[in-house]
PDB file of all heavy atoms in Angstrom:
ATOM      1  N   ASP A   1     112.179  92.055  75.785  1.00  0.00           N
ATOM      2  CA  ASP A   1     111.814  93.354  76.352  1.00  0.00           C
ATOM      3  C   ASP A   1     112.663  93.632  77.587  1.00  0.00           C
ATOM      4  O   ASP A   1     112.890  92.740  78.415  1.00  0.00           O
ATOM      5  CB  ASP A   1     110.325  93.393  76.737  1.00  0.00           C
ATOM      6  CG  ASP A   1     109.426  93.234  75.525  1.00  0.00           C
ATOM      7  OD1 ASP A   1     109.774  93.777  74.471  1.00  0.00           O
ATOM      8  OD2 ASP A   1     108.389  92.554  75.647  1.00  0.00           O
ATOM      9  N   GLY A   2     113.108  94.923  77.713  1.00  0.00           N
ATOM     10  CA  GLY A   2     113.795  95.334  78.920  1.00  0.00           C
ATOM     11  C   GLY A   2     112.775  95.743  79.980  1.00  0.00           C
ATOM     12  O   GLY A   2     111.722  96.315  79.675  1.00  0.00           O
ATOM     13  N   TRP A   3     113.083  95.447  81.247  1.00  0.00           N
ATOM     14  CA  TRP A   3     112.145  95.737  82.323  1.00  0.00           C
ATOM     15  C   TRP A   3     112.814  96.633  83.369  1.00  0.00           C
ATOM     16  O   TRP A   3     114.024  96.585  83.572  1.00  0.00           O
ATOM     17  CB  TRP A   3     111.669  94.446  82.996  1.00  0.00           C
ATOM     18  CG  TRP A   3     110.772  93.626  82.116  1.00  0.00           C
ATOM     19  CD1 TRP A   3     111.155  92.804  81.106  1.00  0.00           C
ATOM     20  CD2 TRP A   3     109.357  93.567  82.164  1.00  0.00           C
ATOM     21  NE1 TRP A   3     110.070  92.229  80.502  1.00  0.00           N
ATOM     22  CE2 TRP A   3     108.935  92.677  81.138  1.00  0.00           C
ATOM     23  CE3 TRP A   3     108.377  94.155  82.952  1.00  0.00           C
ATOM     24  CZ2 TRP A   3     107.611  92.381  80.897  1.00  0.00           C
ATOM     25  CZ3 TRP A   3     107.047  93.857  82.726  1.00  0.00           C
ATOM     26  CH2 TRP A   3     106.673  92.985  81.702  1.00  0.00           C
ATOM     27  N   VAL A   4     111.963  97.441  84.016  1.00  0.00           N
ATOM     28  CA  VAL A   4     112.415  98.324  85.094  1.00  0.00           C
ATOM     29  C   VAL A   4     111.574  98.017  86.331  1.00  0.00           C
ATOM     30  O   VAL A   4     110.353  97.831  86.230  1.00  0.00           O
ATOM     31  CB  VAL A   4     112.273  99.803  84.695  1.00  0.00           C
ATOM     32  CG1 VAL A   4     112.636 100.706  85.868  1.00  0.00           C
ATOM     33  CG2 VAL A   4     113.142 100.117  83.495  1.00  0.00           C
ATOM     34  N   ALA A   5     112.227  97.967  87.486  1.00  0.00           N
ATOM     35  CA  ALA A   5     111.531  97.652  88.731  1.00  0.00           C
ATOM     36  C   ALA A   5     111.512  98.869  89.647  1.00  0.00           C
ATOM     37  O   ALA A   5     112.516  99.568  89.793  1.00  0.00           O
ATOM     38  CB  ALA A   5     112.203  96.482  89.430  1.00  0.00           C
ATOM     39  N   ILE A   6     110.322  99.135  90.229  1.00  0.00           N
ATOM     40  CA  ILE A   6     110.184 100.137  91.283  1.00  0.00           C
ATOM     41  C   ILE A   6     109.864  99.374  92.566  1.00  0.00           C
ATOM     42  O   ILE A   6     108.822  98.706  92.645  1.00  0.00           O
ATOM     43  CB  ILE A   6     109.051 101.138  90.987  1.00  0.00           C
ATOM     44  CG1 ILE A   6     109.183 101.718  89.585  1.00  0.00           C
ATOM     45  CG2 ILE A   6     109.029 102.241  92.037  1.00  0.00           C
ATOM     46  CD1 ILE A   6     107.980 102.521  89.164  1.00  0.00           C
ATOM     47  N   GLU A   7     110.733  99.459  93.544  1.00  0.00           N
ATOM     48  CA  GLU A   7     110.521  98.763  94.811  1.00  0.00           C
ATOM     49  C   GLU A   7     110.221  99.778  95.909  1.00  0.00           C
ATOM     50  O   GLU A   7     111.018 100.685  96.156  1.00  0.00           O
ATOM     51  CB  GLU A   7     111.752  97.932  95.177  1.00  0.00           C
ATOM     52  CG  GLU A   7     112.009  96.777  94.206  1.00  0.00           C
ATOM     53  CD  GLU A   7     113.199  95.940  94.627  1.00  0.00           C
ATOM     54  OE1 GLU A   7     113.864  96.329  95.615  1.00  0.00           O
ATOM     55  OE2 GLU A   7     113.480  94.914  93.970  1.00  0.00           O
ATOM     56  N   LEU A   8     109.067  99.610  96.525  1.00  0.00           N
ATOM     57  CA  LEU A   8     108.632 100.481  97.623  1.00  0.00           C
ATOM     58  C   LEU A   8     108.672  99.646  98.905  1.00  0.00           C
ATOM     59  O   LEU A   8     107.947  98.650  99.022  1.00  0.00           O
ATOM     60  CB  LEU A   8     107.239 101.033  97.369  1.00  0.00           C
ATOM     61  CG  LEU A   8     106.691 102.051  98.374  1.00  0.00           C
ATOM     62  CD1 LEU A   8     105.715 102.998  97.685  1.00  0.00           C
ATOM     63  CD2 LEU A   8     105.976 101.370  99.548  1.00  0.00           C
ATOM     64  N   THR A   9     109.515 100.046  99.840  1.00  0.00           N
ATOM     65  CA  THR A   9     109.689  99.294 101.089  1.00  0.00           C
ATOM     66  C   THR A   9     109.329 100.187 102.266  1.00  0.00           C
ATOM     67  O   THR A   9     109.783 101.343 102.349  1.00  0.00           O
ATOM     68  CB  THR A   9     111.142  98.805 101.228  1.00  0.00           C
ATOM     69  OG1 THR A   9     111.489  98.024 100.088  1.00  0.00           O
ATOM     70  CG2 THR A   9     111.312  97.965 102.482  1.00  0.00           C
ATOM     71  N   ASP A  10     108.492  99.661 103.180  1.00  0.00           N
ATOM     72  CA  ASP A  10     108.121 100.418 104.383  1.00  0.00           C
ATOM     73  C   ASP A  10     108.597  99.675 105.618  1.00  0.00           C
ATOM     74  O   ASP A  10     109.047  98.530 105.552  1.00  0.00           O
ATOM     75  CB  ASP A  10     106.607 100.656 104.426  1.00  0.00           C
ATOM     76  CG  ASP A  10     105.808  99.363 104.513  1.00  0.00           C
ATOM     77  OD1 ASP A  10     106.083  98.533 105.410  1.00  0.00           O
ATOM     78  OD2 ASP A  10     104.902  99.162 103.667  1.00  0.00           O
ATOM     79  N   THR A  11     108.516 100.335 106.745  1.00  0.00           N
ATOM     80  CA  THR A  11     108.922  99.737 108.025  1.00  0.00           C
ATOM     81  C   THR A  11     107.713  99.520 108.918  1.00  0.00           C
ATOM     82  O   THR A  11     107.801  99.630 110.154  1.00  0.00           O
ATOM     83  CB  THR A  11     109.942 100.646 108.723  1.00  0.00           C
ATOM     84  OG1 THR A  11     109.366 101.952 108.907  1.00  0.00           O
ATOM     85  CG2 THR A  11     111.215 100.764 107.904  1.00  0.00           C
ATOM     86  N   GLY A  12     106.572  99.220 108.283  1.00  0.00           N
ATOM     87  CA  GLY A  12     105.343  99.028 109.044  1.00  0.00           C
ATOM     88  C   GLY A  12     105.265  97.661 109.701  1.00  0.00           C
ATOM     89  O   GLY A  12     106.252  96.938 109.837  1.00  0.00           O
ATOM     90  N   ARG A  13     104.033  97.298 110.088  1.00  0.00           N
ATOM     91  CA  ARG A  13     103.822  96.064 110.839  1.00  0.00           C
ATOM     92  C   ARG A  13     103.834  94.819 109.960  1.00  0.00           C
ATOM     93  O   ARG A  13     103.775  93.698 110.459  1.00  0.00           O
ATOM     94  CB  ARG A  13     102.493  96.152 111.604  1.00  0.00           C
ATOM     95  CG  ARG A  13     101.283  96.316 110.713  1.00  0.00           C
ATOM     96  CD  ARG A  13      99.999  96.405 111.534  1.00  0.00           C
ATOM     97  NE  ARG A  13      98.809  96.534 110.702  1.00  0.00           N
ATOM     98  CZ  ARG A  13      98.334  97.664 110.237  1.00  0.00           C
ATOM     99  NH1 ARG A  13      98.969  98.801 110.529  1.00  0.00           N
ATOM    100  NH2 ARG A  13      97.250  97.706 109.494  1.00  0.00           N
ATOM    101  N   GLY A  14     103.882  95.010 108.646  1.00  0.00           N
ATOM    102  CA  GLY A  14     103.885  93.857 107.751  1.00  0.00           C
ATOM    103  C   GLY A  14     102.494  93.287 107.527  1.00  0.00           C
ATOM    104  O   GLY A  14     101.499  93.753 108.103  1.00  0.00           O
ATOM    105  N   ILE A  15     102.423  92.303 106.681  1.00  0.00           N
ATOM    106  CA  ILE A  15     101.154  91.678 106.322  1.00  0.00           C
ATOM    107  C   ILE A  15     101.185  90.229 106.794  1.00  0.00           C
ATOM    108  O   ILE A  15     102.150  89.502 106.514  1.00  0.00           O
ATOM    109  CB  ILE A  15     100.922  91.721 104.801  1.00  0.00           C
ATOM    110  CG1 ILE A  15     101.034  93.159 104.282  1.00  0.00           C
ATOM    111  CG2 ILE A  15      99.579  91.121 104.429  1.00  0.00           C
ATOM    112  CD1 ILE A  15     101.024  93.263 102.767  1.00  0.00           C
ATOM    113  N   PRO A  16     100.158  89.780 107.511  1.00  0.00           N
ATOM    114  CA  PRO A  16     100.119  88.368 107.930  1.00  0.00           C
ATOM    115  C   PRO A  16     100.168  87.448 106.705  1.00  0.00           C
ATOM    116  O   PRO A  16      99.618  87.778 105.646  1.00  0.00           O
ATOM    117  CB  PRO A  16      98.783  88.250 108.673  1.00  0.00           C
ATOM    118  CG  PRO A  16      98.464  89.640 109.104  1.00  0.00           C
ATOM    119  CD  PRO A  16      99.018  90.540 108.044  1.00  0.00           C
ATOM    120  N   PRO A  17     100.853  86.282 106.809  1.00  0.00           N
ATOM    121  CA  PRO A  17     100.988  85.380 105.653  1.00  0.00           C
ATOM    122  C   PRO A  17      99.653  84.985 105.031  1.00  0.00           C
ATOM    123  O   PRO A  17      99.544  84.840 103.808  1.00  0.00           O
ATOM    124  CB  PRO A  17     101.705  84.162 106.255  1.00  0.00           C
ATOM    125  CG  PRO A  17     102.437  84.701 107.442  1.00  0.00           C
ATOM    126  CD  PRO A  17     101.570  85.786 107.988  1.00  0.00           C
ATOM    127  N   GLY A  18      98.622  84.830 105.825  1.00  0.00           N
ATOM    128  CA  GLY A  18      97.332  84.408 105.298  1.00  0.00           C
ATOM    129  C   GLY A  18      96.609  85.484 104.517  1.00  0.00           C
ATOM    130  O   GLY A  18      95.602  85.203 103.862  1.00  0.00           O
ATOM    131  N   GLU A  19      97.078  86.744 104.596  1.00  0.00           N
ATOM    132  CA  GLU A  19      96.384  87.845 103.937  1.00  0.00           C
ATOM    133  C   GLU A  19      97.118  88.364 102.704  1.00  0.00           C
ATOM    134  O   GLU A  19      96.584  89.216 101.979  1.00  0.00           O
ATOM    135  CB  GLU A  19      96.184  89.002 104.930  1.00  0.00           C
ATOM    136  CG  GLU A  19      95.310  88.632 106.128  1.00  0.00           C
ATOM    137  CD  GLU A  19      95.133  89.787 107.096  1.00  0.00           C
ATOM    138  OE1 GLU A  19      95.643  90.882 106.772  1.00  0.00           O
ATOM    139  OE2 GLU A  19      94.515  89.601 108.154  1.00  0.00           O
ATOM    140  N   VAL A  20      98.363  87.881 102.472  1.00  0.00           N
ATOM    141  CA  VAL A  20      99.149  88.400 101.348  1.00  0.00           C
ATOM    142  C   VAL A  20      98.439  88.158 100.015  1.00  0.00           C
ATOM    143  O   VAL A  20      98.416  89.034  99.136  1.00  0.00           O
ATOM    144  CB  VAL A  20     100.551  87.745 101.335  1.00  0.00           C
ATOM    145  CG1 VAL A  20     101.314  88.115 100.067  1.00  0.00           C
ATOM    146  CG2 VAL A  20     101.323  88.174 102.575  1.00  0.00           C
ATOM    147  N   ASP A  21      97.843  86.996  99.841  1.00  0.00           N
ATOM    148  CA  ASP A  21      97.188  86.676  98.566  1.00  0.00           C
ATOM    149  C   ASP A  21      95.854  87.389  98.391  1.00  0.00           C
ATOM    150  O   ASP A  21      95.265  87.328  97.302  1.00  0.00           O
ATOM    151  CB  ASP A  21      96.961  85.161  98.477  1.00  0.00           C
ATOM    152  CG  ASP A  21      98.267  84.385  98.416  1.00  0.00           C
ATOM    153  OD1 ASP A  21      99.270  84.976  97.974  1.00  0.00           O
ATOM    154  OD2 ASP A  21      98.274  83.206  98.815  1.00  0.00           O
ATOM    155  N   ARG A  22      95.352  88.079  99.420  1.00  0.00           N
ATOM    156  CA  ARG A  22      94.026  88.697  99.336  1.00  0.00           C
ATOM    157  C   ARG A  22      94.062  90.213  99.283  1.00  0.00           C
ATOM    158  O   ARG A  22      93.017  90.851  99.093  1.00  0.00           O
ATOM    159  CB  ARG A  22      93.186  88.267 100.535  1.00  0.00           C
ATOM    160  CG  ARG A  22      92.990  86.761 100.663  1.00  0.00           C
ATOM    161  CD  ARG A  22      92.133  86.434 101.874  1.00  0.00           C
ATOM    162  NE  ARG A  22      90.836  87.069 101.796  1.00  0.00           N
ATOM    163  CZ  ARG A  22      89.961  87.136 102.827  1.00  0.00           C
ATOM    164  NH1 ARG A  22      90.288  86.634 104.002  1.00  0.00           N
ATOM    165  NH2 ARG A  22      88.797  87.726 102.658  1.00  0.00           N
ATOM    166  N   ILE A  23      95.244  90.807  99.448  1.00  0.00           N
ATOM    167  CA  ILE A  23      95.290  92.269  99.586  1.00  0.00           C
ATOM    168  C   ILE A  23      94.880  92.988  98.308  1.00  0.00           C
ATOM    169  O   ILE A  23      94.491  94.162  98.354  1.00  0.00           O
ATOM    170  CB  ILE A  23      96.694  92.733 100.021  1.00  0.00           C
ATOM    171  CG1 ILE A  23      97.738  92.295  98.994  1.00  0.00           C
ATOM    172  CG2 ILE A  23      97.034  92.198 101.401  1.00  0.00           C
ATOM    173  CD1 ILE A  23      99.118  92.837  99.288  1.00  0.00           C
ATOM    174  N   PHE A  24      94.971  92.299  97.137  1.00  0.00           N
ATOM    175  CA  PHE A  24      94.572  92.944  95.886  1.00  0.00           C
ATOM    176  C   PHE A  24      93.113  92.662  95.523  1.00  0.00           C
ATOM    177  O   PHE A  24      92.652  93.090  94.461  1.00  0.00           O
ATOM    178  CB  PHE A  24      95.475  92.471  94.742  1.00  0.00           C
ATOM    179  CG  PHE A  24      96.905  92.924  94.885  1.00  0.00           C
ATOM    180  CD1 PHE A  24      97.896  92.027  95.245  1.00  0.00           C
ATOM    181  CD2 PHE A  24      97.250  94.252  94.684  1.00  0.00           C
ATOM    182  CE1 PHE A  24      99.210  92.432  95.382  1.00  0.00           C
ATOM    183  CE2 PHE A  24      98.566  94.671  94.827  1.00  0.00           C
ATOM    184  CZ  PHE A  24      99.550  93.760  95.179  1.00  0.00           C
ATOM    185  N   ASP A  25      92.383  91.945  96.388  1.00  0.00           N
ATOM    186  CA  ASP A  25      90.967  91.686  96.112  1.00  0.00           C
ATOM    187  C   ASP A  25      90.149  92.956  96.365  1.00  0.00           C
ATOM    188  O   ASP A  25      90.418  93.699  97.324  1.00  0.00           O
ATOM    189  CB  ASP A  25      90.434  90.564  97.010  1.00  0.00           C
ATOM    190  CG  ASP A  25      91.042  89.218  96.651  1.00  0.00           C
ATOM    191  OD1 ASP A  25      91.645  89.107  95.561  1.00  0.00           O
ATOM    192  OD2 ASP A  25      90.925  88.276  97.463  1.00  0.00           O
ATOM    193  N   PRO A  26      89.147  93.210  95.518  1.00  0.00           N
ATOM    194  CA  PRO A  26      88.309  94.413  95.721  1.00  0.00           C
ATOM    195  C   PRO A  26      87.589  94.358  97.065  1.00  0.00           C
ATOM    196  O   PRO A  26      87.100  93.301  97.485  1.00  0.00           O
ATOM    197  CB  PRO A  26      87.326  94.359  94.548  1.00  0.00           C
ATOM    198  CG  PRO A  26      87.983  93.484  93.527  1.00  0.00           C
ATOM    199  CD  PRO A  26      88.784  92.482  94.286  1.00  0.00           C
ATOM    200  N   PHE A  27      87.539  95.511  97.753  1.00  0.00           N
ATOM    201  CA  PHE A  27      86.831  95.707  99.016  1.00  0.00           C
ATOM    202  C   PHE A  27      87.436  94.910 100.172  1.00  0.00           C
ATOM    203  O   PHE A  27      86.814  94.774 101.220  1.00  0.00           O
ATOM    204  CB  PHE A  27      85.333  95.348  98.884  1.00  0.00           C
ATOM    205  CG  PHE A  27      84.603  96.204  97.906  1.00  0.00           C
ATOM    206  CD1 PHE A  27      84.186  95.678  96.688  1.00  0.00           C
ATOM    207  CD2 PHE A  27      84.346  97.540  98.169  1.00  0.00           C
ATOM    208  CE1 PHE A  27      83.522  96.457  95.755  1.00  0.00           C
ATOM    209  CE2 PHE A  27      83.682  98.322  97.242  1.00  0.00           C
ATOM    210  CZ  PHE A  27      83.272  97.787  96.035  1.00  0.00           C
ATOM    211  N   TYR A  28      88.645  94.359  99.974  1.00  0.00           N
ATOM    212  CA  TYR A  28      89.296  93.683 101.110  1.00  0.00           C
ATOM    213  C   TYR A  28      90.203  94.689 101.803  1.00  0.00           C
ATOM    214  O   TYR A  28      91.092  95.280 101.191  1.00  0.00           O
ATOM    215  CB  TYR A  28      90.122  92.487 100.629  1.00  0.00           C
ATOM    216  CG  TYR A  28      90.831  91.794 101.781  1.00  0.00           C
ATOM    217  CD1 TYR A  28      90.155  90.913 102.597  1.00  0.00           C
ATOM    218  CD2 TYR A  28      92.167  92.063 102.050  1.00  0.00           C
ATOM    219  CE1 TYR A  28      90.788  90.299 103.670  1.00  0.00           C
ATOM    220  CE2 TYR A  28      92.817  91.455 103.109  1.00  0.00           C
ATOM    221  CZ  TYR A  28      92.119  90.563 103.912  1.00  0.00           C
ATOM    222  OH  TYR A  28      92.749  89.960 104.973  1.00  0.00           O
ATOM    223  N   THR A  29      89.961  94.922 103.105  1.00  0.00           N
ATOM    224  CA  THR A  29      90.764  95.864 103.877  1.00  0.00           C
ATOM    225  C   THR A  29      90.781  95.437 105.328  1.00  0.00           C
ATOM    226  O   THR A  29      89.842  94.790 105.814  1.00  0.00           O
ATOM    227  CB  THR A  29      90.194  97.292 103.755  1.00  0.00           C
ATOM    228  OG1 THR A  29      91.043  98.183 104.489  1.00  0.00           O
ATOM    229  CG2 THR A  29      88.775  97.369 104.305  1.00  0.00           C
ATOM    230  N   THR A  30      91.881  95.762 105.989  1.00  0.00           N
ATOM    231  CA  THR A  30      91.973  95.512 107.441  1.00  0.00           C
ATOM    232  C   THR A  30      92.011  96.825 108.217  1.00  0.00           C
ATOM    233  O   THR A  30      92.149  96.817 109.432  1.00  0.00           O
ATOM    234  CB  THR A  30      93.263  94.716 107.756  1.00  0.00           C
ATOM    235  OG1 THR A  30      94.400  95.429 107.267  1.00  0.00           O
ATOM    236  CG2 THR A  30      93.208  93.331 107.116  1.00  0.00           C
ATOM    237  N   ARG A  31      91.893  97.942 107.500  1.00  0.00           N
ATOM    238  CA  ARG A  31      91.939  99.264 108.125  1.00  0.00           C
ATOM    239  C   ARG A  31      90.519  99.764 108.361  1.00  0.00           C
ATOM    240  O   ARG A  31      89.701  99.774 107.433  1.00  0.00           O
ATOM    241  CB  ARG A  31      92.702 100.243 107.227  1.00  0.00           C
ATOM    242  CG  ARG A  31      92.862 101.643 107.843  1.00  0.00           C
ATOM    243  CD  ARG A  31      93.761 102.502 106.960  1.00  0.00           C
ATOM    244  NE  ARG A  31      93.202 102.639 105.630  1.00  0.00           N
ATOM    245  CZ  ARG A  31      92.291 103.571 105.292  1.00  0.00           C
ATOM    246  NH1 ARG A  31      91.848 104.418 106.209  1.00  0.00           N
ATOM    247  NH2 ARG A  31      91.855 103.633 104.059  1.00  0.00           N
ATOM    248  N   PRO A  32      90.193 100.166 109.581  1.00  0.00           N
ATOM    249  CA  PRO A  32      88.835 100.683 109.841  1.00  0.00           C
ATOM    250  C   PRO A  32      88.548 101.898 108.974  1.00  0.00           C
ATOM    251  O   PRO A  32      89.368 102.819 108.869  1.00  0.00           O
ATOM    252  CB  PRO A  32      88.881 101.060 111.338  1.00  0.00           C
ATOM    253  CG  PRO A  32      90.006 100.240 111.907  1.00  0.00           C
ATOM    254  CD  PRO A  32      91.010 100.103 110.815  1.00  0.00           C
ATOM    255  N   GLY A  33      87.411 101.889 108.315  1.00  0.00           N
ATOM    256  CA  GLY A  33      87.011 102.990 107.460  1.00  0.00           C
ATOM    257  C   GLY A  33      87.576 102.916 106.061  1.00  0.00           C
ATOM    258  O   GLY A  33      87.277 103.785 105.225  1.00  0.00           O
ATOM    259  N   GLY A  34      88.408 101.914 105.763  1.00  0.00           N
ATOM    260  CA  GLY A  34      88.978 101.789 104.427  1.00  0.00           C
ATOM    261  C   GLY A  34      87.997 101.167 103.460  1.00  0.00           C
ATOM    262  O   GLY A  34      87.162 100.331 103.826  1.00  0.00           O
ATOM    263  N   ALA A  35      88.092 101.568 102.179  1.00  0.00           N
ATOM    264  CA  ALA A  35      87.175 101.031 101.164  1.00  0.00           C
ATOM    265  C   ALA A  35      87.694  99.725 100.573  1.00  0.00           C
ATOM    266  O   ALA A  35      86.926  98.943 100.000  1.00  0.00           O
ATOM    267  CB  ALA A  35      86.977 102.047 100.045  1.00  0.00           C
ATOM    268  N   GLY A  36      88.995  99.470 100.657  1.00  0.00           N
ATOM    269  CA  GLY A  36      89.544  98.216 100.123  1.00  0.00           C
ATOM    270  C   GLY A  36      89.669  98.202  98.617  1.00  0.00           C
ATOM    271  O   GLY A  36      89.666  97.113  98.014  1.00  0.00           O
ATOM    272  N   LEU A  37      89.769  99.383  97.996  1.00  0.00           N
ATOM    273  CA  LEU A  37      89.870  99.435  96.538  1.00  0.00           C
ATOM    274  C   LEU A  37      91.199 100.010  96.052  1.00  0.00           C
ATOM    275  O   LEU A  37      91.501  99.939  94.861  1.00  0.00           O
ATOM    276  CB  LEU A  37      88.723 100.280  95.957  1.00  0.00           C
ATOM    277  CG  LEU A  37      87.339  99.633  95.976  1.00  0.00           C
ATOM    278  CD1 LEU A  37      86.278 100.643  95.560  1.00  0.00           C
ATOM    279  CD2 LEU A  37      87.298  98.421  95.056  1.00  0.00           C
ATOM    280  N   GLY A  38      92.008 100.575  96.960  1.00  0.00           N
ATOM    281  CA  GLY A  38      93.242 101.222  96.536  1.00  0.00           C
ATOM    282  C   GLY A  38      94.215 100.266  95.852  1.00  0.00           C
ATOM    283  O   GLY A  38      94.687 100.520  94.732  1.00  0.00           O
ATOM    284  N   LEU A  39      94.532  99.133  96.485  1.00  0.00           N
ATOM    285  CA  LEU A  39      95.466  98.178  95.899  1.00  0.00           C
ATOM    286  C   LEU A  39      94.858  97.462  94.697  1.00  0.00           C
ATOM    287  O   LEU A  39      95.572  97.114  93.746  1.00  0.00           O
ATOM    288  CB  LEU A  39      95.916  97.163  96.959  1.00  0.00           C
ATOM    289  CG  LEU A  39      96.816  97.716  98.070  1.00  0.00           C
ATOM    290  CD1 LEU A  39      97.173  96.615  99.063  1.00  0.00           C
ATOM    291  CD2 LEU A  39      98.083  98.324  97.477  1.00  0.00           C
ATOM    292  N   ALA A  40      93.534  97.241  94.728  1.00  0.00           N
ATOM    293  CA  ALA A  40      92.879  96.608  93.580  1.00  0.00           C
ATOM    294  C   ALA A  40      92.988  97.509  92.341  1.00  0.00           C
ATOM    295  O   ALA A  40      93.252  97.030  91.227  1.00  0.00           O
ATOM    296  CB  ALA A  40      91.418  96.311  93.896  1.00  0.00           C
ATOM    297  N   ILE A  41      92.778  98.823  92.553  1.00  0.00           N
ATOM    298  CA  ILE A  41      92.910  99.771  91.437  1.00  0.00           C
ATOM    299  C   ILE A  41      94.360  99.822  90.956  1.00  0.00           C
ATOM    300  O   ILE A  41      94.630  99.883  89.756  1.00  0.00           O
ATOM    301  CB  ILE A  41      92.414 101.170  91.873  1.00  0.00           C
ATOM    302  CG1 ILE A  41      90.897 101.138  92.121  1.00  0.00           C
ATOM    303  CG2 ILE A  41      92.767 102.213  90.830  1.00  0.00           C
ATOM    304  CD1 ILE A  41      90.356 102.419  92.726  1.00  0.00           C
ATOM    305  N   THR A  42      95.299  99.783  91.893  1.00  0.00           N
ATOM    306  CA  THR A  42      96.725  99.816  91.525  1.00  0.00           C
ATOM    307  C   THR A  42      97.095  98.630  90.642  1.00  0.00           C
ATOM    308  O   THR A  42      97.771  98.785  89.615  1.00  0.00           O
ATOM    309  CB  THR A  42      97.587  99.811  92.793  1.00  0.00           C
ATOM    310  OG1 THR A  42      97.269 100.967  93.582  1.00  0.00           O
ATOM    311  CG2 THR A  42      99.064  99.823  92.435  1.00  0.00           C
ATOM    312  N   ARG A  43      96.679  97.439  91.038  1.00  0.00           N
ATOM    313  CA  ARG A  43      96.998  96.271  90.213  1.00  0.00           C
ATOM    314  C   ARG A  43      96.321  96.366  88.856  1.00  0.00           C
ATOM    315  O   ARG A  43      96.893  95.976  87.834  1.00  0.00           O
ATOM    316  CB  ARG A  43      96.582  94.970  90.907  1.00  0.00           C
ATOM    317  CG  ARG A  43      97.050  93.733  90.143  1.00  0.00           C
ATOM    318  CD  ARG A  43      96.817  92.468  90.890  1.00  0.00           C
ATOM    319  NE  ARG A  43      95.402  92.148  90.976  1.00  0.00           N
ATOM    320  CZ  ARG A  43      94.923  90.990  91.462  1.00  0.00           C
ATOM    321  NH1 ARG A  43      95.754  90.075  91.914  1.00  0.00           N
ATOM    322  NH2 ARG A  43      93.629  90.767  91.515  1.00  0.00           N
ATOM    323  N   LYS A  44      95.098  96.918  88.806  1.00  0.00           N
ATOM    324  CA  LYS A  44      94.396  97.079  87.536  1.00  0.00           C
ATOM    325  C   LYS A  44      95.183  98.013  86.619  1.00  0.00           C
ATOM    326  O   LYS A  44      95.342  97.759  85.418  1.00  0.00           O
ATOM    327  CB  LYS A  44      92.993  97.630  87.793  1.00  0.00           C
ATOM    328  CG  LYS A  44      92.049  97.517  86.618  1.00  0.00           C
ATOM    329  CD  LYS A  44      91.522  96.087  86.522  1.00  0.00           C
ATOM    330  CE  LYS A  44      90.411  95.992  85.500  1.00  0.00           C
ATOM    331  NZ  LYS A  44      89.896  94.622  85.381  1.00  0.00           N
TER     332      LYS A  44
END
């Protein structure tokens, strides 16, 4: 199978190493008022 990659790069503050493996977990967020479901839905 041929594959295509979409790379999205930002210039933000980055993600701490200890949190990279958890960012796709449901309801996990470090932003006040965030639901923590956006990245989980994206991976789904």
